[in-house]
Amino acid sequence: MDDEREDKLEDHEERRKHDRSRLIIDVFFDGKDSTGVASTKDISLGGLYMNTHAQIPDGQTLMIRIPIGTQEIVCSAEVVYRNPGLGLGVRFIDLSDEARAVLEREIWHA
């Protein structure tokens, strides 16, 4: 990994406000030009990282569906960084209080 990319990842780690969980589940995403299924690498109350080959630009808004047990969280998310060909990080935009509670419960039990 080159120094510039390593610095960018370290800067991103320092900006993270929520603890992450290594919860690996399939999520469904729908954006302006991309729709698909991706697996999560990690997830928090602030967002998630999903493994995907989809080429989605920074700043694009996606509709995300996250199945958790018998429930499903649906919210908008903004792409905040990309690892081309590997995946991308998204920040939740409109996570409801109910969805936040479901996610928090799952994160603490993962």
Protein backbone atom coordinates (compact mmCIF):
# COMPACT_ATOMS: atom_id res chain seq x y z
CA MET A 1 0.00 0.00 0.00
CA ASP A 2 1.45 3.40 -0.89
CA ASP A 3 1.99 6.08 1.77
CA GLU A 4 -0.75 8.41 0.45
CA ARG A 5 -3.43 5.70 0.55
CA GLU A 6 -2.26 4.57 4.00
CA ASP A 7 -2.50 8.18 5.30
CA LYS A 8 -6.01 8.51 3.84
CA LEU A 9 -7.17 5.33 5.62
CA GLU A 10 -5.62 6.48 8.92
CA ASP A 11 -7.34 9.89 8.59
CA HIS A 12 -10.66 8.13 7.98
CA GLU A 13 -10.16 5.95 11.07
CA GLU A 14 -9.60 9.07 13.21
CA ARG A 15 -12.86 10.68 11.94
CA ARG A 16 -14.96 7.66 12.87
CA LYS A 17 -17.44 8.55 15.64
CA HIS A 18 -19.02 5.14 16.30
CA ASP A 19 -17.62 1.79 17.38
CA ARG A 20 -17.66 -0.78 14.60
CA SER A 21 -18.71 -4.39 14.65
CA ARG A 22 -17.39 -7.08 12.32
CA LEU A 23 -20.96 -8.05 11.41
CA ILE A 24 -20.89 -9.75 8.01
CA ILE A 25 -24.28 -9.82 6.26
CA ASP A 26 -25.60 -9.19 2.77
CA VAL A 27 -27.01 -5.72 2.16
CA PHE A 28 -28.96 -4.49 -0.83
CA PHE A 29 -28.17 -1.12 -2.39
CA ASP A 30 -29.88 0.99 -5.02
CA GLY A 31 -28.33 4.14 -6.43
CA LYS A 32 -28.54 6.38 -9.44
CA ASP A 33 -26.59 4.05 -11.74
CA SER A 34 -25.89 1.00 -9.56
CA THR A 35 -28.04 -1.62 -7.92
CA GLY A 36 -26.85 -4.79 -6.26
CA VAL A 37 -26.07 -6.93 -3.28
CA ALA A 38 -22.89 -6.56 -1.26
CA SER A 39 -21.57 -8.10 1.92
CA THR A 40 -20.63 -5.91 4.85
CA LYS A 41 -17.13 -5.92 6.25
CA ASP A 42 -18.06 -3.93 9.31
CA ILE A 43 -20.98 -1.84 10.50
CA SER A 44 -21.67 0.86 13.10
CA LEU A 45 -24.48 3.20 14.06
CA GLY A 46 -22.91 5.73 11.68
CA GLY A 47 -22.54 3.60 8.57
CA LEU A 48 -20.95 0.53 7.06
CA TYR A 49 -18.27 -0.74 4.72
CA MET A 50 -19.50 -2.99 1.94
CA ASN A 51 -17.50 -5.25 -0.32
CA THR A 52 -18.51 -4.54 -3.92
CA HIS A 53 -16.99 -4.13 -7.36
CA ALA A 54 -19.61 -1.50 -8.24
CA GLN A 55 -18.13 1.82 -9.33
CA ILE A 56 -20.07 4.34 -7.25
CA PRO A 57 -18.65 7.86 -6.84
CA ASP A 58 -18.02 9.62 -3.53
CA GLY A 59 -21.01 11.69 -2.47
CA GLN A 60 -23.62 9.55 -4.22
CA THR A 61 -26.71 8.68 -2.19
CA LEU A 62 -27.81 5.05 -2.04
CA MET A 63 -30.92 3.41 -0.63
CA ILE A 64 -29.66 0.62 1.65
CA ARG A 65 -31.65 -2.39 2.91
CA ILE A 66 -30.07 -4.33 5.78
CA PRO A 67 -31.78 -7.58 6.81
CA ILE A 68 -31.20 -8.29 10.50
CA GLY A 69 -32.92 -11.39 11.84
CA THR A 70 -36.62 -11.06 11.05
CA GLN A 71 -36.37 -7.28 10.62
CA GLU A 72 -35.07 -5.09 7.84
CA ILE A 73 -33.50 -1.66 8.15
CA VAL A 74 -34.07 0.66 5.19
CA CYS A 75 -32.32 4.01 5.00
CA SER A 76 -30.42 6.38 2.76
CA ALA A 77 -26.64 6.44 2.90
CA GLU A 78 -23.94 8.59 1.34
CA VAL A 79 -20.75 7.14 -0.14
CA VAL A 80 -17.91 8.72 1.86
CA TYR A 81 -14.93 6.82 0.46
CA ARG A 82 -14.07 4.15 -2.08
CA ASN A 83 -11.51 1.42 -2.54
CA PRO A 84 -11.96 0.88 -6.31
CA GLY A 85 -12.66 -2.74 -7.16
CA LEU A 86 -12.87 -3.71 -3.47
CA GLY A 87 -15.63 -1.79 -1.75
CA LEU A 88 -16.84 1.45 -0.27
CA GLY A 89 -17.77 3.13 3.00
CA VAL A 90 -21.16 4.74 3.47
CA ARG A 91 -22.58 7.05 6.13
CA PHE A 92 -26.21 6.58 7.14
CA ILE A 93 -28.29 9.69 6.43
CA ASP A 94 -31.77 9.05 7.80
CA LEU A 95 -31.54 6.15 10.23
CA SER A 96 -34.78 6.10 12.25
CA ASP A 97 -34.77 5.70 16.03
CA GLU A 98 -36.31 2.23 15.63
CA ALA A 99 -33.68 1.18 13.07
CA ARG A 100 -30.93 2.60 15.29
CA ALA A 101 -32.20 0.51 18.23
CA VAL A 102 -32.28 -2.68 16.11
CA LEU A 103 -28.80 -2.01 14.78
CA GLU A 104 -27.41 -1.14 18.20
CA ARG A 105 -28.79 -4.37 19.64
CA GLU A 106 -27.23 -6.39 16.80
CA ILE A 107 -23.86 -4.62 17.02
CA TRP A 108 -23.53 -5.26 20.74
CA HIS A 109 -24.39 -8.96 20.28
CA ALA A 110 -22.13 -9.56 17.26
